[in-house]
Protein backbone atom coordinates (compact mmCIF):
# COMPACT_ATOMS: atom_id res chain seq x y z
CA MET A 1 6.87 188.22 172.29
CA LYS A 2 8.01 187.98 168.65
CA ILE A 3 11.32 186.34 167.84
CA LYS A 4 12.55 189.31 165.83
CA ASN A 5 13.05 191.07 169.16
CA ILE A 6 15.44 188.30 170.24
CA ILE A 7 17.50 188.05 167.04
CA GLU A 8 17.71 191.76 166.30
CA GLY A 9 21.22 192.55 165.12
CA LYS A 10 22.29 188.91 164.99
CA GLU A 11 24.08 188.05 161.77
CA SER A 12 23.40 184.71 160.14
CA VAL A 13 26.26 182.58 158.87
CA LYS A 14 25.49 181.25 155.42
CA VAL A 15 27.06 179.34 152.55
CA TYR A 16 25.91 178.43 149.05
CA PRO A 17 25.06 175.04 147.52
CA THR A 18 28.31 175.13 145.54
CA THR A 19 30.48 175.91 148.59
CA THR A 20 32.78 172.95 149.23
CA ILE A 21 32.29 170.85 152.34
CA ARG A 22 35.80 171.82 153.42
CA ASP A 23 35.06 175.54 153.12
CA ALA A 24 31.80 175.07 155.02
CA LEU A 25 33.76 173.33 157.79
CA ILE A 26 36.22 176.21 157.94
CA THR A 27 33.33 178.67 158.14
CA MET A 28 31.73 176.67 160.95
CA ASN A 29 35.03 176.55 162.85
CA ASN A 30 35.74 180.25 162.41
CA SER A 31 32.23 181.32 163.41
CA GLY A 32 31.93 178.87 166.29
CA THR A 33 28.58 177.59 165.08
CA ARG A 34 27.29 174.06 164.62
CA ARG A 35 24.78 174.94 161.90
CA ILE A 36 24.97 177.01 158.73
CA THR A 37 22.10 177.95 156.45
CA VAL A 38 22.55 177.19 152.76
CA VAL A 39 21.03 179.85 150.50
CA ASP A 40 20.62 180.41 146.79
CA ALA A 41 23.35 182.82 145.73
CA GLY A 42 21.05 184.89 143.54
CA THR A 43 17.98 185.23 145.75
CA ASN A 44 19.21 184.54 149.31
CA ARG A 45 16.34 182.07 149.67
CA VAL A 46 16.94 179.16 152.02
CA VAL A 47 17.56 175.89 150.17
CA GLY A 48 18.99 173.78 152.97
CA ILE A 49 21.01 173.64 156.15
CA ILE A 50 24.21 171.91 157.16
CA THR A 51 24.67 171.01 160.80
CA SER A 52 27.28 169.34 162.93
CA MET A 53 25.20 166.16 162.77
CA ASP A 54 25.51 166.16 158.98
CA ILE A 55 29.27 166.22 159.52
CA VAL A 56 29.00 163.32 161.99
CA ASP A 57 27.04 161.44 159.33
CA PHE A 58 29.65 162.29 156.68
CA MET A 59 32.45 161.06 158.97
CA GLY A 60 31.10 157.54 159.08
CA GLY A 61 27.98 157.69 161.17
CA GLY A 62 25.41 157.17 158.45
CA SER A 63 24.33 157.29 154.82
CA LYS A 64 26.24 160.48 153.96
CA TYR A 65 29.46 158.53 154.46
CA ASN A 66 28.62 156.88 151.11
CA LEU A 67 29.98 160.02 149.47
CA VAL A 68 33.38 159.02 150.86
CA LYS A 69 33.06 155.24 150.71
CA SER A 70 31.24 154.62 147.45
CA LYS A 71 31.56 157.67 145.21
CA HIS A 72 35.20 158.38 146.04
CA ASN A 73 36.42 154.94 147.14
CA HIS A 74 37.40 156.12 150.65
CA ASN A 75 39.21 159.19 149.28
CA LEU A 76 38.22 161.71 151.93
CA LEU A 77 40.14 164.54 150.28
CA ALA A 78 38.09 164.20 147.09
CA ALA A 79 34.86 163.87 149.06
CA ILE A 80 35.50 166.92 151.24
CA ASN A 81 35.95 169.03 148.13
CA GLU A 82 32.48 168.12 146.89
CA PRO A 83 29.84 170.87 147.09
CA VAL A 84 28.00 171.14 150.37
CA LYS A 85 24.70 170.38 148.60
CA GLU A 86 25.81 166.73 148.54
CA ILE A 87 25.42 166.35 152.31
CA MET A 88 23.22 169.25 153.41
CA THR A 89 19.75 168.66 154.81
CA ASN A 90 17.26 169.72 152.18
CA GLU A 91 13.89 171.22 153.10
CA ALA A 92 15.30 172.98 156.14
CA VAL A 93 12.85 173.70 158.94
CA CYS A 94 12.39 177.51 158.97
CA ILE A 95 10.43 180.03 161.02
CA LYS A 96 8.94 183.33 159.85
CA GLU A 97 10.32 186.54 161.35
CA ASN A 98 6.95 187.51 162.87
CA ALA A 99 6.51 184.20 164.71
CA LEU A 100 5.92 184.26 168.44
CA LEU A 101 8.52 182.90 170.82
CA LYS A 102 6.17 180.15 171.99
CA GLU A 103 5.82 178.98 168.38
CA VAL A 104 9.58 178.59 168.06
CA ILE A 105 9.78 176.65 171.31
CA GLU A 106 7.02 174.31 170.11
CA LEU A 107 8.79 173.91 166.75
CA PHE A 108 12.12 173.04 168.39
CA ILE A 109 10.47 170.35 170.50
CA GLU A 110 8.26 168.95 167.74
CA LYS A 111 11.03 168.76 165.11
CA ASN A 112 13.83 167.95 167.58
CA VAL A 113 16.10 170.69 166.25
CA GLY A 114 18.44 173.03 168.08
CA GLY A 115 18.17 175.99 165.74
CA VAL A 116 16.38 177.18 162.61
CA PRO A 117 16.77 179.87 159.95
CA VAL A 118 14.53 182.90 160.36
CA VAL A 119 13.05 183.95 157.00
CA ASP A 120 10.79 186.59 155.48
CA LYS A 121 7.59 185.86 153.56
CA ASP A 122 9.62 184.87 150.48
CA TYR A 123 11.83 182.49 152.47
CA LYS A 124 14.81 184.81 152.19
CA LEU A 125 17.24 184.41 155.06
CA ILE A 126 17.16 187.07 157.78
CA SER A 127 18.94 185.39 160.67
CA THR A 128 18.88 182.24 162.78
CA ILE A 129 17.48 181.45 166.20
CA THR A 130 18.79 178.70 168.47
CA GLU A 131 17.96 177.01 171.73
CA ARG A 132 20.76 179.01 173.30
CA ASP A 133 19.25 182.31 172.15
CA ILE A 134 15.96 181.37 173.80
CA ILE A 135 17.55 180.19 177.03
CA ARG A 136 19.65 183.33 177.37
CA PHE A 137 16.58 185.48 176.80
CA LEU A 138 14.35 183.59 179.26
CA LYS A 139 16.92 182.52 181.85
CA ASP A 140 15.74 184.88 184.56
CA ASN A 141 12.25 183.38 184.33
CA VAL A 142 13.44 180.02 185.68
CA ASP A 143 11.90 179.25 189.06
CA LYS A 144 14.88 178.86 191.41
CA SER A 145 13.07 176.20 193.40
CA GLU A 146 13.13 173.81 190.41
CA LYS A 147 15.73 171.05 190.63
CA VAL A 148 17.93 169.47 187.98
CA ILE A 149 16.74 165.99 188.92
CA ASP A 150 13.24 166.79 187.66
CA TYR A 151 14.41 167.78 184.17
CA MET A 152 17.52 165.72 183.45
CA THR A 153 17.67 162.58 181.34
CA GLU A 154 18.58 159.64 183.56
CA LYS A 155 21.05 156.92 182.55
CA PRO A 156 22.25 158.73 179.41
CA VAL A 157 23.95 157.02 176.51
CA VAL A 158 27.73 157.32 176.97
CA ALA A 159 30.92 156.72 175.03
CA THR A 160 34.10 155.15 176.33
CA SER A 161 37.44 156.90 175.98
CA GLY A 162 38.94 154.09 173.88
CA GLU A 163 36.21 154.04 171.23
CA ARG A 164 37.01 155.08 167.68
CA LEU A 165 35.58 158.21 166.09
CA LYS A 166 33.52 156.32 163.51
CA ASP A 167 31.93 154.09 166.17
CA VAL A 168 30.92 157.06 168.30
CA ALA A 169 29.55 158.76 165.16
CA ARG A 170 27.20 155.82 164.65
CA THR A 171 26.09 155.93 168.29
CA MET A 172 25.33 159.65 168.08
CA LEU A 173 23.32 159.32 164.89
CA ARG A 174 21.46 156.21 166.00
CA ASN A 175 20.27 157.97 169.14
CA GLY A 176 19.94 161.48 167.73
CA PHE A 177 22.32 162.98 170.32
CA ARG A 178 24.75 165.83 169.62
CA ARG A 179 26.89 165.02 172.65
CA LEU A 180 27.86 162.07 174.82
CA PRO A 181 29.56 161.92 178.22
CA VAL A 182 32.78 159.89 178.00
CA ILE A 183 33.60 157.39 180.71
CA SER A 184 36.52 155.21 181.67
CA GLU A 185 36.23 152.53 184.34
CA ASP A 186 32.74 153.84 185.07
CA ARG A 187 33.98 157.36 185.83
CA LEU A 188 33.41 160.56 183.86
CA VAL A 189 36.57 161.57 181.99
CA GLY A 190 35.27 163.86 179.24
CA MET A 191 32.60 164.92 176.81
CA ILE A 192 32.44 164.36 173.04
CA THR A 193 30.19 166.60 170.95
CA SER A 194 29.29 166.90 167.30
CA THR A 195 31.24 170.16 167.31
CA ASP A 196 34.42 168.17 168.03
CA PHE A 197 33.92 166.41 164.68
CA ILE A 198 33.85 169.79 162.94
CA LYS A 199 37.02 170.90 164.70
CA LEU A 200 38.85 167.70 163.84
CA LEU A 201 37.79 167.45 160.20
CA GLY A 202 38.52 171.13 159.62
CA SER A 203 41.98 170.94 161.22
CA ASP A 204 45.31 171.06 159.40
CA TRP A 205 46.17 167.68 160.96
CA ALA A 206 43.18 166.02 159.31
CA PHE A 207 43.77 167.79 156.00
CA ASN A 208 47.40 166.64 155.90
CA HIS A 209 46.30 163.05 156.51
CA MET A 210 43.77 163.34 153.70
CA LYS A 211 46.52 164.50 151.32
CA THR A 212 48.70 161.50 152.17
CA GLY A 213 45.82 159.07 151.95
CA ASN A 214 45.79 158.12 155.64
CA VAL A 215 42.03 158.42 155.92
CA ARG A 216 41.61 155.61 158.41
CA GLU A 217 43.95 157.42 160.80
CA ILE A 218 41.20 160.04 161.00
CA THR A 219 38.16 157.79 161.36
CA ASN A 220 40.05 155.53 163.77
CA VAL A 221 41.05 158.37 166.10
CA ARG A 222 40.30 157.46 169.70
CA ILE A 223 37.79 159.64 171.48
CA LYS A 224 40.21 160.30 174.34
CA ASP A 225 42.40 162.24 171.89
CA ILE A 226 39.74 164.74 170.79
CA MET A 227 37.23 164.90 173.65
CA VAL A 228 36.89 167.85 176.03
CA LYS A 229 38.50 166.71 179.27
CA ASP A 230 37.73 169.57 181.65
CA VAL A 231 34.00 168.99 181.81
CA LEU A 232 31.67 171.16 183.86
CA THR A 233 29.16 169.04 185.77
CA VAL A 234 26.16 169.52 188.01
CA ASN A 235 24.61 167.78 191.00
CA LYS A 236 21.11 166.32 190.72
CA ASP A 237 19.95 168.48 193.62
CA ALA A 238 21.26 171.71 192.12
CA SER A 239 18.74 174.30 191.00
CA LEU A 240 17.68 174.28 187.37
CA TYR A 241 18.45 178.01 187.29
CA ASP A 242 22.10 177.38 188.25
CA ALA A 243 22.41 174.69 185.56
CA VAL A 244 20.97 176.98 182.90
CA ASP A 245 23.18 179.84 184.08
CA THR A 246 26.27 177.62 183.87
CA MET A 247 25.40 176.55 180.32
CA THR A 248 24.75 180.06 179.06
CA THR A 249 27.74 181.62 180.85
CA ASN A 250 30.14 178.99 179.49
CA ASP A 251 28.49 178.68 176.07
CA ILE A 252 27.95 174.92 176.36
CA GLY A 253 24.96 172.82 175.44
CA ALA A 254 24.83 170.27 178.27
CA LEU A 255 26.00 169.32 181.73
CA PRO A 256 26.56 165.75 182.88
CA VAL A 257 24.85 165.09 186.20
CA VAL A 258 27.43 163.40 188.40
CA GLU A 259 27.26 161.63 191.73
CA ASP A 260 30.42 160.21 193.33
CA GLY A 261 32.24 160.57 190.01
CA LYS A 262 29.66 158.53 188.10
CA VAL A 263 27.33 159.89 185.43
CA ILE A 264 23.73 159.44 186.53
CA GLY A 265 22.14 161.82 184.06
CA ILE A 266 22.54 164.73 181.68
CA ILE A 267 20.74 168.04 181.37
CA THR A 268 20.78 169.87 178.05
CA GLU A 269 19.64 173.07 176.41
CA LYS A 270 16.73 171.09 174.99
CA ASP A 271 15.61 170.21 178.53
CA ALA A 272 15.66 173.90 179.41
CA VAL A 273 13.63 174.78 176.33
CA SER A 274 11.10 172.13 177.32
CA TYR A 275 10.85 173.78 180.75
CA PHE A 276 9.93 177.09 179.10
CA LYS A 277 7.21 175.36 177.10
CA GLU A 278 5.66 174.17 180.33
């Protein structure tokens, strides 16, 4: 099976190297995507990619925060109006349009990415393919006797509801996770994802605080104020098929595995993709 059969008709969201970070955030919010391909305006060739994890980095999680801290002396408004090329990931991992589905699955696992641009022989952008696209396409191939417990990650890294945004950003980047279950008094109370950073930074509330110079009010936001509180969960003995179906039906990337109100694991789209490789 070639991937062009999966992405047929799917439009790719794109921006240009000179697009401002703020405009890229607005585009990500409006399109409901956590990754945008950056293309050359004249040729449509892929020159980079900006993902939700780049935004987490920019918000204080890693080296891209230097654009705010060092270049603009903590002036987030000035930094967010810089061109997206300042924080995009260069040398984006791409896949050719005639690649086989198994090649994409192997690429996702090897490079630890959740989506890649699909390009022609000249590296011109055609579309994108994501873990979610693959899971939706292959969902009915999941053996219903398989259990969540055999594919979940046990004892996942978690955040606490009182932690600040910038501290959680560092945790996410350090571990390479796009999402963390949020606990309070050892009980699951929410989920924080890299997409929540996009929503916050692209909001009018954040923009108004940037204009008045209250940048630390943004980076010091408590996770409990921006996390998703109504979290769908799964039992360790549930079927893998049901978990995958829940994720695809609700357009979410992970399910905490809960037992007696406590998080004992997490199962993600990446786990499902790994199942299809097997």
